[in-house]
Amino acid sequence: MSQAYLGIDVAKQSFVCSLCTGSKPAHRTFRNQLEGLKELDKWLEKHKVSEVHACMEATNRYWEDLAWHLQGQGHRVSVVNPGRIHDYARSKLVRNKTDKLDADLIADFCATQQPPLWTPPPAEVRELQALVRHLEALKEIHTQESNRLAAGAPSAIVRKSLEDHLTYLDQAIAKVEQMIRDHIDHHPGLKRDRDLLNSIPGIGDTTAAKLLSENIQAFTSTREIVAYAGLNPQLRESGSSVHGRPKLSKVGRAGLRRSLYFPAISAMRHNPLVMRFCARLEQKGKPKMVQIGAAMRKLLCIALGVLKSQVPFDPAFLLPIQAIP
């Protein structure tokens, strides 16, 4: 094995490495902090590895600093869906599971499957991603506190505390939303793409910011972006007896799917392309949820098309003349 492969099992506090250079793998555990990243560099240097193909799972956000660091050090980095590693383990009939064995498995997957290289997003997209995630976290807390208040506080003191917290959250949410708008306005590329996305009926500022934070503009095909979001249909058919109802695979970014749900419902009422598409599905007897899932997929594809063409949404351009309602 001339190429060195590094399988990394990443967790919140630490990550376990399996370095394969052609002989017996070398293992070591590092803290998932800046000091651990520096120790990893020294460890690779000790093993006389100047360039490695590193592979890790996209587990939460624990992998991000590590991937950025390795890529910055000149190494090749692949970040894969954990489902791929899970299925690879099943294909090899792996029966035991430890952090060390998982790192070995990821290194073997990297060597045999040659996963595509991870391309880090531009700095302004990464900053936007951090802001959008912070906004989503604040909104989630706001929903939780609102539910507690609606359920009936056990005392006046608790009710007042919940109301004060909700007031604070409202102010914090408004502040972060303004920060997102300012950030996009200060970067001409993001501003141009935001305005293009806003030209699509069903997509507003919040959804546009989410789509841009996911860096969907970097995808090269609708097939890729649909799979990334987990919006591709999943079929279950076998022989003459198994005919499962198609459903969304959901093997992808759950946050991206959630962000498209209500925009898709709005697009089903106001976007000519999505309206006509869902009308055909309704004529075929497709259930409402199937129509919504298809509308989410259609809206995402339109968004990618608008970004790639750099042309605002125009149903007359995208639809044959006779198809326009």
Protein backbone atom coordinates (compact mmCIF):
# COMPACT_ATOMS: atom_id res chain seq x y z
CA MET A 1 0.00 0.00 0.00
CA SER A 2 1.94 3.00 -1.25
CA GLN A 3 -0.73 5.49 -0.23
CA ALA A 4 -1.17 6.11 3.48
CA TYR A 5 -4.72 5.95 4.77
CA LEU A 6 -5.99 7.37 8.03
CA GLY A 7 -9.28 6.12 9.46
CA ILE A 8 -10.66 8.37 12.18
CA ASP A 9 -13.48 7.54 14.59
CA VAL A 10 -14.59 10.95 15.85
CA ALA A 11 -16.41 11.67 19.11
CA LYS A 12 -17.13 14.84 21.05
CA GLN A 13 -14.15 14.69 23.40
CA SER A 14 -11.67 12.61 21.43
CA PHE A 15 -10.93 10.85 18.15
CA VAL A 16 -9.24 7.50 17.51
CA CYS A 17 -6.89 7.15 14.54
CA SER A 18 -5.88 4.07 12.56
CA LEU A 19 -2.91 4.78 10.29
CA CYS A 20 -2.37 2.24 7.50
CA THR A 21 0.88 2.50 5.55
CA GLY A 22 1.12 -1.05 4.22
CA SER A 23 2.05 -2.92 7.39
CA LYS A 24 0.26 -3.35 10.70
CA PRO A 25 -1.98 -0.33 11.42
CA ALA A 26 -0.81 2.15 14.04
CA HIS A 27 -3.34 3.45 16.53
CA ARG A 28 -3.60 6.41 18.82
CA THR A 29 -6.29 8.44 20.57
CA PHE A 30 -6.22 12.24 20.61
CA ARG A 31 -8.28 14.87 22.36
CA ASN A 32 -10.68 16.61 19.99
CA GLN A 33 -9.17 20.01 20.73
CA LEU A 34 -6.43 22.20 19.28
CA GLU A 35 -3.76 20.44 21.37
CA GLY A 36 -4.91 17.09 20.02
CA LEU A 37 -4.70 18.33 16.44
CA LYS A 38 -1.10 19.45 16.99
CA GLU A 39 -0.26 16.08 18.53
CA LEU A 40 -1.77 14.38 15.48
CA ASP A 41 0.62 16.33 13.24
CA LYS A 42 3.61 15.20 15.32
CA TRP A 43 2.35 11.59 15.29
CA LEU A 44 2.07 11.56 11.50
CA GLU A 45 5.52 13.12 11.22
CA LYS A 46 6.90 10.45 13.55
CA HIS A 47 5.55 7.79 11.18
CA LYS A 48 7.15 9.66 8.26
CA VAL A 49 3.80 10.41 6.61
CA SER A 50 3.83 13.69 4.70
CA GLU A 51 0.48 13.18 2.95
CA VAL A 52 -2.38 10.93 3.98
CA HIS A 53 -5.88 10.23 2.72
CA ALA A 54 -7.94 10.70 5.87
CA CYS A 55 -11.53 9.53 6.17
CA MET A 56 -14.09 10.22 8.88
CA GLU A 57 -17.84 10.10 9.41
CA ALA A 58 -20.00 13.22 9.34
CA THR A 59 -20.96 12.82 12.99
CA ASN A 60 -22.71 15.94 14.28
CA ARG A 61 -20.18 18.77 14.02
CA TYR A 62 -17.42 16.95 15.89
CA TRP A 63 -15.50 16.30 12.66
CA GLU A 64 -15.37 19.83 11.31
CA ASP A 65 -12.30 21.28 13.06
CA LEU A 66 -10.39 18.06 12.41
CA ALA A 67 -11.28 18.05 8.70
CA TRP A 68 -10.35 21.71 8.30
CA HIS A 69 -7.04 21.14 10.09
CA LEU A 70 -6.02 18.11 8.03
CA GLN A 71 -7.03 19.81 4.79
CA GLY A 72 -5.03 22.88 5.78
CA GLN A 73 -1.98 20.67 6.42
CA GLY A 74 -2.12 19.45 2.84
CA HIS A 75 -3.74 16.08 3.46
CA ARG A 76 -6.57 14.60 1.41
CA VAL A 77 -9.80 14.40 3.42
CA SER A 78 -13.03 12.50 2.85
CA VAL A 79 -16.12 13.01 5.01
CA VAL A 80 -18.74 10.30 4.49
CA ASN A 81 -22.27 9.58 5.61
CA PRO A 82 -22.18 7.29 8.69
CA GLY A 83 -24.71 5.06 6.92
CA ARG A 84 -22.08 4.13 4.34
CA ILE A 85 -19.66 2.96 7.05
CA HIS A 86 -22.45 1.05 8.79
CA ASP A 87 -23.40 -0.77 5.60
CA TYR A 88 -19.74 -1.43 4.79
CA ALA A 89 -19.32 -3.06 8.20
CA ARG A 90 -22.35 -5.26 7.53
CA SER A 91 -20.95 -6.28 4.14
CA LYS A 92 -17.76 -7.46 5.86
CA LEU A 93 -19.74 -9.28 8.58
CA VAL A 94 -18.11 -7.24 11.34
CA ARG A 95 -19.39 -8.55 14.67
CA ASN A 96 -17.47 -6.47 17.20
CA LYS A 97 -17.54 -2.73 17.73
CA THR A 98 -14.93 -0.64 19.52
CA ASP A 99 -13.50 2.77 18.73
CA LYS A 100 -10.24 1.15 17.58
CA LEU A 101 -12.03 -1.35 15.33
CA ASP A 102 -14.24 1.42 13.93
CA ALA A 103 -11.13 3.42 13.01
CA ASP A 104 -9.67 0.32 11.31
CA LEU A 105 -12.89 -0.15 9.39
CA ILE A 106 -12.97 3.47 8.23
CA ALA A 107 -9.34 3.22 7.07
CA ASP A 108 -10.16 0.03 5.14
CA PHE A 109 -13.23 1.71 3.62
CA CYS A 110 -11.07 4.64 2.53
CA ALA A 111 -8.49 2.37 0.92
CA THR A 112 -10.93 0.12 -0.92
CA GLN A 113 -13.77 2.50 -1.80
CA GLN A 114 -11.79 5.68 -2.50
CA PRO A 115 -14.54 8.07 -1.32
CA PRO A 116 -14.66 11.53 -2.94
CA LEU A 117 -12.60 14.25 -1.38
CA TRP A 118 -14.21 16.81 0.90
CA THR A 119 -14.16 20.36 -0.39
CA PRO A 120 -14.27 22.92 2.43
CA PRO A 121 -16.76 25.75 1.91
CA PRO A 122 -15.54 29.34 1.59
CA ALA A 123 -14.93 31.21 4.84
CA GLU A 124 -18.02 33.40 4.38
CA VAL A 125 -20.21 30.31 3.93
CA ARG A 126 -18.77 28.72 7.06
CA GLU A 127 -19.53 31.89 9.03
CA LEU A 128 -23.07 31.92 7.62
CA GLN A 129 -23.46 28.27 8.59
CA ALA A 130 -22.49 29.08 12.19
CA LEU A 131 -25.00 31.94 12.34
CA VAL A 132 -27.82 29.84 10.86
CA ARG A 133 -27.15 26.99 13.28
CA HIS A 134 -27.18 29.43 16.19
CA LEU A 135 -30.51 30.83 14.99
CA GLU A 136 -31.97 27.32 14.71
CA ALA A 137 -30.83 26.50 18.25
CA LEU A 138 -32.45 29.66 19.63
CA LYS A 139 -35.71 28.89 17.82
CA GLU A 140 -35.71 25.35 19.19
CA ILE A 141 -35.30 26.64 22.74
CA HIS A 142 -38.06 29.20 22.09
CA THR A 143 -40.41 26.42 21.00
CA GLN A 144 -39.61 24.39 24.11
CA GLU A 145 -40.24 27.32 26.43
CA SER A 146 -43.44 28.26 24.59
CA ASN A 147 -44.72 24.69 25.02
CA ARG A 148 -43.95 24.80 28.74
CA LEU A 149 -45.83 28.07 29.11
CA ALA A 150 -48.78 26.79 27.08
CA ALA A 151 -48.94 23.63 29.20
CA GLY A 152 -49.60 25.76 32.28
CA ALA A 153 -46.89 26.93 34.64
CA PRO A 154 -47.16 25.50 38.18
CA SER A 155 -46.75 28.92 39.81
CA ALA A 156 -46.82 32.61 39.00
CA ILE A 157 -43.07 32.87 39.62
CA VAL A 158 -42.31 30.14 37.08
CA ARG A 159 -44.73 31.65 34.58
CA LYS A 160 -43.02 35.05 34.92
CA SER A 161 -39.62 33.40 34.45
CA LEU A 162 -40.80 31.68 31.28
CA GLU A 163 -42.27 34.90 29.92
CA ASP A 164 -39.03 36.79 30.63
CA HIS A 165 -37.00 34.04 28.96
CA LEU A 166 -39.24 34.13 25.90
CA THR A 167 -38.85 37.91 25.69
CA TYR A 168 -35.08 37.50 25.81
CA LEU A 169 -35.20 34.77 23.15
CA ASP A 170 -37.36 36.94 20.89
CA GLN A 171 -34.76 39.69 21.11
CA ALA A 172 -31.87 37.25 20.57
CA ILE A 173 -33.56 35.70 17.54
CA ALA A 174 -34.22 39.11 16.00
CA LYS A 175 -30.59 40.08 16.60
CA VAL A 176 -29.18 36.93 14.96
CA GLU A 177 -31.57 37.30 12.02
CA GLN A 178 -30.23 40.81 11.50
CA MET A 179 -26.66 39.51 11.78
CA ILE A 180 -27.42 36.96 9.05
CA ARG A 181 -28.86 39.65 6.77
CA ASP A 182 -25.86 41.90 7.40
CA HIS A 183 -23.41 39.07 6.77
CA ILE A 184 -25.03 38.19 3.46
CA ASP A 185 -25.24 41.86 2.43
CA HIS A 186 -21.52 42.32 3.13
CA HIS A 187 -20.53 39.51 0.75
CA PRO A 188 -21.53 40.25 -2.88
CA GLY A 189 -21.58 36.57 -3.91
CA LEU A 190 -23.90 35.56 -1.07
CA LYS A 191 -26.08 38.63 -1.62
CA ARG A 192 -26.46 37.85 -5.33
CA ASP A 193 -27.35 34.21 -4.59
CA ARG A 194 -29.78 35.23 -1.82
CA ASP A 195 -31.60 37.55 -4.21
CA LEU A 196 -31.74 34.80 -6.86
CA LEU A 197 -33.26 32.36 -4.36
CA ASN A 198 -35.77 34.98 -3.19
CA SER A 199 -37.05 35.21 -6.76
CA ILE A 200 -38.45 31.68 -6.38
CA PRO A 201 -42.05 31.66 -5.04
CA GLY A 202 -41.97 29.77 -1.76
CA ILE A 203 -38.45 30.75 -0.73
CA GLY A 204 -37.83 33.71 1.58
CA ASP A 205 -34.83 35.12 3.42
CA THR A 206 -34.74 32.44 6.11
CA THR A 207 -34.87 29.52 3.67
CA ALA A 208 -32.41 31.21 1.33
CA ALA A 209 -29.93 31.66 4.17
CA LYS A 210 -30.32 28.00 5.13
CA LEU A 211 -29.74 26.81 1.56
CA LEU A 212 -26.66 29.00 1.18
CA SER A 213 -25.30 27.87 4.55
CA GLU A 214 -25.54 24.28 3.29
CA ASN A 215 -23.39 25.40 0.34
CA ILE A 216 -25.82 23.84 -2.16
CA GLN A 217 -24.31 26.07 -4.84
CA ALA A 218 -21.26 23.75 -4.82
CA PHE A 219 -23.26 20.73 -6.03
CA THR A 220 -22.97 19.86 -9.69
CA SER A 221 -26.26 18.03 -10.28
CA THR A 222 -29.80 17.79 -8.97
CA ARG A 223 -29.22 14.08 -8.27
CA GLU A 224 -26.42 14.96 -5.86
CA ILE A 225 -28.30 17.68 -3.99
CA VAL A 226 -31.48 15.57 -3.69
CA ALA A 227 -29.46 12.67 -2.24
CA TYR A 228 -27.63 15.06 0.10
CA ALA A 229 -30.96 16.23 1.51
CA GLY A 230 -32.34 12.68 1.72
CA LEU A 231 -35.27 13.61 -0.53
CA ASN A 232 -34.74 10.85 -3.09
CA PRO A 233 -37.57 8.26 -3.28
CA GLN A 234 -36.86 4.86 -1.76
CA LEU A 235 -38.54 1.86 -3.38
CA ARG A 236 -39.27 -1.53 -1.79
CA GLU A 237 -40.15 -4.10 -4.40
CA SER A 238 -39.22 -7.76 -4.68
CA GLY A 239 -40.75 -10.43 -6.87
CA SER A 240 -44.52 -10.49 -7.03
CA SER A 241 -45.30 -10.23 -3.32
CA VAL A 242 -43.37 -7.20 -2.03
CA HIS A 243 -44.63 -3.87 -3.30
CA GLY A 244 -43.90 -1.33 -0.58
CA ARG A 245 -45.15 2.21 -0.87
CA PRO A 246 -42.33 4.55 -2.00
CA LYS A 247 -41.10 6.96 0.66
CA LEU A 248 -38.30 9.45 1.16
CA SER A 249 -34.99 7.80 1.93
CA LYS A 250 -34.17 10.43 4.62
CA VAL A 251 -30.51 9.41 4.31
CA GLY A 252 -29.15 12.92 4.34
CA ARG A 253 -29.34 16.31 6.03
CA ALA A 254 -32.43 16.29 8.24
CA GLY A 255 -32.10 20.02 8.94
CA LEU A 256 -32.17 20.79 5.24
CA ARG A 257 -35.32 18.69 4.78
CA ARG A 258 -37.04 20.44 7.70
CA SER A 259 -36.21 23.85 6.27
CA LEU A 260 -37.96 22.96 2.99
CA TYR A 261 -41.23 21.63 4.45
CA PHE A 262 -43.20 24.86 4.87
CA PRO A 263 -41.64 26.55 1.81
CA ALA A 264 -42.80 23.55 -0.24
CA ILE A 265 -46.35 23.92 1.07
CA SER A 266 -46.25 27.60 0.13
CA ALA A 267 -44.83 26.73 -3.30
CA MET A 268 -47.69 24.27 -3.86
CA ARG A 269 -50.03 27.28 -3.73
CA HIS A 270 -47.97 30.02 -5.38
CA ASN A 271 -45.18 28.54 -7.52
CA PRO A 272 -46.42 27.71 -11.05
CA LEU A 273 -43.91 24.91 -11.58
CA VAL A 274 -44.57 23.22 -8.26
CA MET A 275 -48.33 23.75 -8.55
CA ARG A 276 -48.53 22.03 -11.90
CA PHE A 277 -46.19 19.24 -10.80
CA CYS A 278 -48.26 18.47 -7.70
CA ALA A 279 -51.49 18.68 -9.71
CA ARG A 280 -50.24 15.82 -11.87
CA LEU A 281 -49.40 13.81 -8.76
CA GLU A 282 -52.87 14.46 -7.36
CA GLN A 283 -54.46 13.25 -10.60
CA LYS A 284 -52.50 10.02 -10.20
CA GLY A 285 -53.96 9.57 -6.72
CA LYS A 286 -50.77 10.27 -4.79
CA PRO A 287 -51.29 10.98 -1.05
CA LYS A 288 -50.83 14.52 0.26
CA MET A 289 -47.57 13.74 2.05
CA VAL A 290 -46.15 12.25 -1.13
CA GLN A 291 -47.03 15.47 -2.93
CA ILE A 292 -45.33 17.55 -0.23
CA GLY A 293 -42.18 15.42 -0.39
CA ALA A 294 -42.12 15.75 -4.17
CA ALA A 295 -42.66 19.51 -3.86
CA MET A 296 -39.70 19.76 -1.47
CA ARG A 297 -37.56 17.90 -3.96
CA LYS A 298 -38.78 20.05 -6.88
CA LEU A 299 -38.18 23.28 -4.96
CA LEU A 300 -34.64 22.22 -4.09
CA CYS A 301 -33.90 21.39 -7.73
CA ILE A 302 -35.28 24.76 -8.86
CA ALA A 303 -33.07 26.49 -6.27
CA LEU A 304 -29.98 24.72 -7.58
CA GLY A 305 -30.93 25.54 -11.18
CA VAL A 306 -31.34 29.23 -10.40
CA LEU A 307 -27.97 29.35 -8.60
CA LYS A 308 -26.15 27.51 -11.37
CA SER A 309 -27.66 29.58 -14.18
CA GLN A 310 -27.42 32.84 -12.21
CA VAL A 311 -30.79 33.74 -13.74
CA PRO A 312 -33.78 34.73 -11.55
CA PHE A 313 -36.76 32.37 -11.45
CA ASP A 314 -38.95 32.69 -14.55
CA PRO A 315 -41.74 30.12 -15.11
CA ALA A 316 -42.01 31.22 -18.73
CA PHE A 317 -38.36 30.25 -19.21
CA LEU A 318 -38.58 26.97 -17.30
CA LEU A 319 -41.96 25.81 -18.60
CA PRO A 320 -43.25 25.36 -22.13
CA ILE A 321 -45.63 28.17 -23.08
CA GLN A 322 -48.66 25.87 -23.19
CA ALA A 323 -47.90 24.62 -19.67
CA ILE A 324 -48.19 27.99 -18.00
CA PRO A 325 -51.51 28.20 -16.06
